[in-house]
PDB file of N, CA and C in Angstrom:
ATOM      1  N   MET A   1       1.921  16.610 -10.696  1.00  0.00           N
ATOM      2  CA  MET A   1       2.888  16.549 -11.232  1.00  0.00           C
ATOM      3  C   MET A   1       3.593  15.107 -11.496  1.00  0.00           C
ATOM      4  N   PRO A   2       3.865  14.451 -12.502  1.00  0.00           N
ATOM      5  CA  PRO A   2       3.479  12.915 -12.521  1.00  0.00           C
ATOM      6  C   PRO A   2       4.799  12.553 -11.699  1.00  0.00           C
ATOM      7  N   ILE A   3       5.124  11.355 -11.594  1.00  0.00           N
ATOM      8  CA  ILE A   3       5.789  10.467 -10.572  1.00  0.00           C
ATOM      9  C   ILE A   3       7.186  10.274 -11.980  1.00  0.00           C
ATOM     10  N   ILE A   4       7.158  10.494 -13.015  1.00  0.00           N
ATOM     11  CA  ILE A   4       7.910   9.431 -13.948  1.00  0.00           C
ATOM     12  C   ILE A   4       8.010  10.807 -15.404  1.00  0.00           C
ATOM     13  N   ASN A   5       8.689  11.132 -16.163  1.00  0.00           N
ATOM     14  CA  ASN A   5       8.563  12.138 -16.340  1.00  0.00           C
ATOM     15  C   ASN A   5       8.942  11.078 -18.156  1.00  0.00           C
ATOM     16  N   LYS A   6       9.156  12.223 -18.860  1.00  0.00           N
ATOM     17  CA  LYS A   6       8.888  11.530 -20.315  1.00  0.00           C
ATOM     18  C   LYS A   6      10.194  10.544 -20.503  1.00  0.00           C
ATOM     19  N   THR A   7      11.318  10.518 -20.066  1.00  0.00           N
ATOM     20  CA  THR A   7      12.730   9.827 -20.201  1.00  0.00           C
ATOM     21  C   THR A   7      12.343   8.328 -19.446  1.00  0.00           C
ATOM     22  N   GLY A   8      11.530   8.383 -19.080  1.00  0.00           N
ATOM     23  CA  GLY A   8      11.185   7.398 -17.623  1.00  0.00           C
ATOM     24  C   GLY A   8      11.826   7.201 -16.821  1.00  0.00           C
ATOM     25  N   GLU A   9      12.254   8.426 -16.401  1.00  0.00           N
ATOM     26  CA  GLU A   9      13.087   8.872 -14.715  1.00  0.00           C
ATOM     27  C   GLU A   9      11.770   8.931 -13.736  1.00  0.00           C
ATOM     28  N   VAL A  10      12.145   7.961 -12.360  1.00  0.00           N
ATOM     29  CA  VAL A  10      11.664   8.417 -11.407  1.00  0.00           C
ATOM     30  C   VAL A  10      12.120   9.206 -10.436  1.00  0.00           C
ATOM     31  N   ARG A  11      10.619  11.064 -10.271  1.00  0.00           N
ATOM     32  CA  ARG A  11      11.107  11.647  -9.284  1.00  0.00           C
ATOM     33  C   ARG A  11      11.204  11.204  -7.774  1.00  0.00           C
ATOM     34  N   GLU A  12      11.805  12.048  -6.759  1.00  0.00           N
ATOM     35  CA  GLU A  12      11.958  11.701  -5.059  1.00  0.00           C
ATOM     36  C   GLU A  12      10.194  12.326  -5.186  1.00  0.00           C
ATOM     37  N   LEU A  13      10.352  11.093  -4.336  1.00  0.00           N
ATOM     38  CA  LEU A  13       9.081  11.392  -4.038  1.00  0.00           C
ATOM     39  C   LEU A  13       8.317  12.440  -2.763  1.00  0.00           C
ATOM     40  N   ARG A  14       7.326  13.080  -2.870  1.00  0.00           N
ATOM     41  CA  ARG A  14       7.374  14.399  -1.649  1.00  0.00           C
ATOM     42  C   ARG A  14       6.300  13.883  -0.593  1.00  0.00           C
ATOM     43  N   ALA A  15       6.249  14.876   0.868  1.00  0.00           N
ATOM     44  CA  ALA A  15       4.953  14.199   1.408  1.00  0.00           C
ATOM     45  C   ALA A  15       3.767  14.206   0.810  1.00  0.00           C
ATOM     46  N   GLU A  16       3.745  15.362  -0.364  1.00  0.00           N
ATOM     47  CA  GLU A  16       1.976  15.899  -0.835  1.00  0.00           C
ATOM     48  C   GLU A  16       1.304  14.258  -1.739  1.00  0.00           C
ATOM     49  N   ASP A  17       3.157  14.181  -2.135  1.00  0.00           N
ATOM     50  CA  ASP A  17       2.593  12.163  -2.977  1.00  0.00           C
ATOM     51  C   ASP A  17       2.549  11.140  -1.902  1.00  0.00           C
ATOM     52  N   LEU A  18       3.096  11.538  -0.569  1.00  0.00           N
ATOM     53  CA  LEU A  18       2.874  10.025  -0.122  1.00  0.00           C
ATOM     54  C   LEU A  18       1.200   9.612   0.302  1.00  0.00           C
ATOM     55  N   LYS A  19       0.503  11.299   0.505  1.00  0.00           N
ATOM     56  CA  LYS A  19      -0.336  11.693   1.148  1.00  0.00           C
ATOM     57  C   LYS A  19      -1.269  11.621   0.241  1.00  0.00           C
ATOM     58  N   MET A  20      -1.392  11.540  -0.620  1.00  0.00           N
ATOM     59  CA  MET A  20      -2.345  10.822  -1.819  1.00  0.00           C
ATOM     60  C   MET A  20      -2.079   9.196  -1.752  1.00  0.00           C
ATOM     61  N   PHE A  21      -1.313   8.778  -1.001  1.00  0.00           N
ATOM     62  CA  PHE A  21      -1.252   6.794  -1.171  1.00  0.00           C
ATOM     63  C   PHE A  21      -2.498   6.490  -0.203  1.00  0.00           C
ATOM     64  N   LYS A  22      -2.700   5.359  -0.380  1.00  0.00           N
ATOM     65  CA  LYS A  22      -4.278   4.489  -0.112  1.00  0.00           C
ATOM     66  C   LYS A  22      -3.190   3.197   0.516  1.00  0.00           C
ATOM     67  N   SER A  23      -4.470   3.359   1.950  1.00  0.00           N
ATOM     68  CA  SER A  23      -3.149   1.864   3.056  1.00  0.00           C
ATOM     69  C   SER A  23      -3.751   0.500   2.293  1.00  0.00           C
ATOM     70  N   ALA A  24      -2.473  -0.772   2.669  1.00  0.00           N
ATOM     71  CA  ALA A  24      -2.385  -1.570   1.957  1.00  0.00           C
ATOM     72  C   ALA A  24      -4.364  -2.266   2.204  1.00  0.00           C
ATOM     73  N   GLN A  25      -4.631  -2.064   3.580  1.00  0.00           N
ATOM     74  CA  GLN A  25      -6.069  -2.365   3.804  1.00  0.00           C
ATOM     75  C   GLN A  25      -7.164  -2.282   2.986  1.00  0.00           C
ATOM     76  N   LYS A  26      -7.493  -0.925   2.399  1.00  0.00           N
ATOM     77  CA  LYS A  26      -8.132  -0.476   1.641  1.00  0.00           C
ATOM     78  C   LYS A  26      -8.192  -1.134  -0.269  1.00  0.00           C
ATOM     79  N   VAL A  27      -6.683  -1.590  -0.572  1.00  0.00           N
ATOM     80  CA  VAL A  27      -6.454  -1.805  -1.711  1.00  0.00           C
ATOM     81  C   VAL A  27      -6.068  -3.201  -2.233  1.00  0.00           C
ATOM     82  N   LEU A  28      -5.564  -3.956  -1.073  1.00  0.00           N
ATOM     83  CA  LEU A  28      -5.411  -5.160  -1.132  1.00  0.00           C
ATOM     84  C   LEU A  28      -6.576  -6.513  -1.144  1.00  0.00           C
ATOM     85  N   PRO A  29      -6.922  -7.457  -1.699  1.00  0.00           N
ATOM     86  CA  PRO A  29      -7.331  -8.203  -1.707  1.00  0.00           C
ATOM     87  C   PRO A  29      -7.628  -9.095  -0.237  1.00  0.00           C
ATOM     88  N   LEU A  30      -8.582  -9.037   0.452  1.00  0.00           N
ATOM     89  CA  LEU A  30      -8.313 -10.417   1.355  1.00  0.00           C
ATOM     90  C   LEU A  30      -7.087 -11.092   1.864  1.00  0.00           C
ATOM     91  N   SER A  31      -7.375 -12.411   0.415  1.00  0.00           N
ATOM     92  CA  SER A  31      -6.752 -13.290   0.384  1.00  0.00           C
ATOM     93  C   SER A  31      -5.017 -12.782   0.917  1.00  0.00           C
ATOM     94  N   LEU A  32      -4.528 -11.841  -0.011  1.00  0.00           N
ATOM     95  CA  LEU A  32      -2.864 -10.941  -0.581  1.00  0.00           C
ATOM     96  C   LEU A  32      -2.583 -10.819   0.687  1.00  0.00           C
ATOM     97  N   GLN A  33      -3.625  -9.729   1.665  1.00  0.00           N
ATOM     98  CA  GLN A  33      -3.487  -9.216   3.408  1.00  0.00           C
ATOM     99  C   GLN A  33      -2.675 -10.810   4.001  1.00  0.00           C
ATOM    100  N   LYS A  34      -3.941 -11.145   3.609  1.00  0.00           N
ATOM    101  CA  LYS A  34      -3.601 -12.604   4.953  1.00  0.00           C
ATOM    102  C   LYS A  34      -2.113 -13.340   4.962  1.00  0.00           C
ATOM    103  N   LYS A  35      -1.948 -13.392   3.740  1.00  0.00           N
ATOM    104  CA  LYS A  35      -0.701 -14.227   2.953  1.00  0.00           C
ATOM    105  C   LYS A  35       0.186 -12.894   3.685  1.00  0.00           C
ATOM    106  N   LEU A  36       0.155 -11.750   3.740  1.00  0.00           N
ATOM    107  CA  LEU A  36       1.206 -10.788   3.842  1.00  0.00           C
ATOM    108  C   LEU A  36       1.502 -10.339   5.785  1.00  0.00           C
ATOM    109  N   GLY A  37       0.402 -11.046   6.294  1.00  0.00           N
ATOM    110  CA  GLY A  37       0.419 -11.257   7.682  1.00  0.00           C
ATOM    111  C   GLY A  37      -0.002  -9.560   7.990  1.00  0.00           C
ATOM    112  N   LEU A  38      -1.356  -9.027   6.892  1.00  0.00           N
ATOM    113  CA  LEU A  38      -1.720  -7.704   7.499  1.00  0.00           C
ATOM    114  C   LEU A  38      -3.194  -7.866   8.464  1.00  0.00           C
ATOM    115  N   ILE A  39      -3.461  -9.289   8.491  1.00  0.00           N
ATOM    116  CA  ILE A  39      -4.124  -9.731   9.099  1.00  0.00           C
ATOM    117  C   ILE A  39      -4.065 -11.301   9.438  1.00  0.00           C
ATOM    118  N   SER A  40      -3.996 -10.831  11.312  1.00  0.00           N
ATOM    119  CA  SER A  40      -3.908 -12.141  12.118  1.00  0.00           C
ATOM    120  C   SER A  40      -5.600 -13.006  11.942  1.00  0.00           C
ATOM    121  N   PRO A  41      -4.807 -14.584  11.937  1.00  0.00           N
ATOM    122  CA  PRO A  41      -6.070 -15.196  12.649  1.00  0.00           C
ATOM    123  C   PRO A  41      -6.935 -14.906  13.991  1.00  0.00           C
ATOM    124  N   GLN A  42      -8.257 -15.247  13.067  1.00  0.00           N
ATOM    125  CA  GLN A  42      -8.872 -14.829  14.849  1.00  0.00           C
ATOM    126  C   GLN A  42      -8.504 -15.896  15.450  1.00  0.00           C
ATOM    127  N   LYS A  43      -8.099 -15.663  16.858  1.00  0.00           N
ATOM    128  CA  LYS A  43      -8.345 -16.651  17.972  1.00  0.00           C
ATOM    129  C   LYS A  43      -9.146 -17.027  18.650  1.00  0.00           C
ATOM    130  N   VAL A  44      -9.255 -18.284  18.700  1.00  0.00           N
ATOM    131  CA  VAL A  44     -10.753 -19.272  20.123  1.00  0.00           C
ATOM    132  C   VAL A  44     -10.447 -18.924  20.955  1.00  0.00           C
ATOM    133  N   PRO A  45     -12.039 -17.920  21.527  1.00  0.00           N
ATOM    134  CA  PRO A  45     -12.127 -17.442  22.985  1.00  0.00           C
ATOM    135  C   PRO A  45     -11.995 -19.244  23.875  1.00  0.00           C
ATOM    136  N   LYS A  46     -11.062 -18.508  25.001  1.00  0.00           N
ATOM    137  CA  LYS A  46     -10.943 -19.345  26.187  1.00  0.00           C
ATOM    138  C   LYS A  46     -12.464 -19.233  26.283  1.00  0.00           C
TER     139      LYS A  46
END
């Protein structure tokens, strides 16, 4: 079932829709993940 209908209205998302979502780590470029704080810089070992 499409998320957007013929008139351009967006329907409410269901649990089945959310199951198809991919994680940000799988779809975003590494540089954007760093800017968004999804990847923290490595710490220097002591």
